[in-house]
Amino acid sequence: MWRRKLHDKLGYFDEKFKALSDAEWWARCYYLAGSRFQWVNEFYTAYLWRNGQNLWTRKISKAEWKLYFKKAQRHKKTRNNKNKKDNKKPPKGLIQPRMVK
C-alpha cells in the first residue's frame, strides 16, 4: 500500500507497458521521489487468479524490457543529477526485475 500523494507527484502506471507498468512505477517512486518501501509480512489484499492467467505467466517481449530499462535509467539519471546539485549520495538498493529466459 502507498499514499495517493505518490500518484499525485509521479503520475499513474504507464499504459504503454503490458506487464512492467508496476515495475516502472516503482522505479519512479525510488529514483524520483526517494521513496522507501518496507516489506510487511501480512495480507492486506486478495489476488484473483483466472484460469492460470496472470502477469506472471505472460511472456514479456524484448521491446517491453528495453522500454522498461530505458525509462528506469532515465529516472536514475534524473535522480543522480538532482543529487549532484544537492550534494547527496545516490540511493542504493532498488530491486530490478530480471528477464528470465
Protein backbone atom coordinates (compact mmCIF):
# COMPACT_ATOMS: atom_id res chain seq x y z
CA MET A 1 0.00 0.00 0.00
CA TRP A 2 1.09 3.55 -0.57
CA ARG A 3 -0.32 7.01 -0.24
CA ARG A 4 -2.15 8.78 -3.03
CA LYS A 5 0.33 11.66 -2.90
CA LEU A 6 2.84 9.40 -4.69
CA HIS A 7 0.47 9.20 -7.66
CA ASP A 8 -0.16 12.95 -7.42
CA LYS A 9 3.59 13.56 -7.58
CA LEU A 10 4.67 10.85 -10.06
CA GLY A 11 1.58 10.07 -12.10
CA TYR A 12 -0.09 6.73 -12.63
CA PHE A 13 1.07 3.48 -14.20
CA ASP A 14 2.36 3.84 -17.76
CA GLU A 15 -0.18 2.16 -20.04
CA LYS A 16 2.44 1.59 -22.76
CA PHE A 17 3.50 -1.47 -20.77
CA LYS A 18 1.57 -4.73 -20.84
CA ALA A 19 3.31 -6.33 -17.86
CA LEU A 20 6.01 -4.00 -16.48
CA SER A 21 3.99 -0.87 -15.70
CA ASP A 22 4.21 -1.54 -11.96
CA ALA A 23 7.99 -2.10 -12.09
CA GLU A 24 8.49 1.18 -13.96
CA TRP A 25 6.27 2.97 -11.44
CA TRP A 26 8.31 1.52 -8.54
CA ALA A 27 11.46 2.81 -10.27
CA ARG A 28 9.89 6.29 -10.43
CA CYS A 29 8.98 6.08 -6.74
CA TYR A 30 12.50 5.08 -5.82
CA TYR A 31 14.55 7.33 -8.08
CA LEU A 32 12.36 10.41 -8.45
CA ALA A 33 10.55 10.59 -5.11
CA GLY A 34 13.22 8.90 -2.98
CA SER A 35 10.54 6.60 -1.57
CA ARG A 36 11.48 3.73 0.67
CA PHE A 37 9.18 0.77 0.92
CA GLN A 38 9.04 -1.85 3.62
CA TRP A 39 8.04 -5.49 3.37
CA VAL A 40 5.03 -6.27 5.55
CA ASN A 41 4.56 -9.95 6.28
CA GLU A 42 0.76 -9.72 6.50
CA PHE A 43 -2.03 -9.99 3.95
CA TYR A 44 -3.87 -6.76 3.13
CA THR A 45 -5.20 -7.63 -0.32
CA ALA A 46 -6.51 -10.56 -2.31
CA TYR A 47 -5.36 -11.63 -5.75
CA LEU A 48 -7.73 -13.00 -8.36
CA TRP A 49 -6.39 -16.00 -10.28
CA ARG A 50 -8.25 -16.59 -13.57
CA ASN A 51 -7.69 -20.00 -15.10
CA GLY A 52 -3.96 -19.79 -14.56
CA GLN A 53 -3.72 -16.44 -16.35
CA ASN A 54 -1.92 -13.61 -14.63
CA LEU A 55 1.03 -11.32 -15.25
CA TRP A 56 3.50 -13.92 -14.04
CA THR A 57 2.54 -16.32 -16.81
CA ARG A 58 2.67 -13.71 -19.59
CA LYS A 59 5.72 -13.57 -21.77
CA ILE A 60 7.28 -10.14 -21.71
CA SER A 61 8.59 -9.00 -25.07
CA LYS A 62 12.15 -7.81 -25.56
CA ALA A 63 10.74 -4.47 -26.68
CA GLU A 64 8.94 -4.06 -23.36
CA TRP A 65 12.08 -4.98 -21.39
CA LYS A 66 14.04 -2.49 -23.48
CA LEU A 67 11.49 0.27 -22.82
CA TYR A 68 11.49 -0.53 -19.09
CA PHE A 69 15.28 -0.37 -18.76
CA LYS A 70 15.43 2.80 -20.87
CA LYS A 71 12.89 4.54 -18.64
CA ALA A 72 14.44 3.23 -15.40
CA GLN A 73 17.86 4.51 -16.50
CA ARG A 74 16.32 7.90 -17.32
CA HIS A 75 14.78 8.05 -13.83
CA LYS A 76 18.11 7.06 -12.29
CA LYS A 77 19.96 9.72 -14.29
CA THR A 78 17.42 12.37 -13.25
CA ARG A 79 17.86 11.38 -9.62
CA ASN A 80 21.66 11.39 -9.87
CA ASN A 81 21.64 14.85 -11.47
CA LYS A 82 19.41 16.12 -8.67
CA ASN A 83 21.71 14.55 -6.07
CA LYS A 84 24.75 16.25 -7.62
CA LYS A 85 23.02 19.61 -7.31
CA ASP A 86 22.04 18.84 -3.69
CA ASN A 87 25.41 17.17 -2.83
CA LYS A 88 23.66 13.92 -1.84
CA LYS A 89 24.70 10.32 -2.43
CA PRO A 90 22.51 8.43 -4.92
CA PRO A 91 20.04 5.92 -3.45
CA LYS A 92 21.02 2.27 -3.32
CA GLY A 93 19.11 -0.95 -3.34
CA LEU A 94 16.35 -0.80 -5.94
CA ILE A 95 15.39 -4.34 -6.77
CA GLN A 96 15.28 -4.57 -10.53
CA PRO A 97 13.06 -7.16 -12.21
CA ARG A 98 15.10 -9.75 -14.08
CA MET A 99 14.45 -11.04 -17.56
CA VAL A 100 14.10 -14.80 -17.30
CA LYS A 101 14.56 -16.94 -20.37
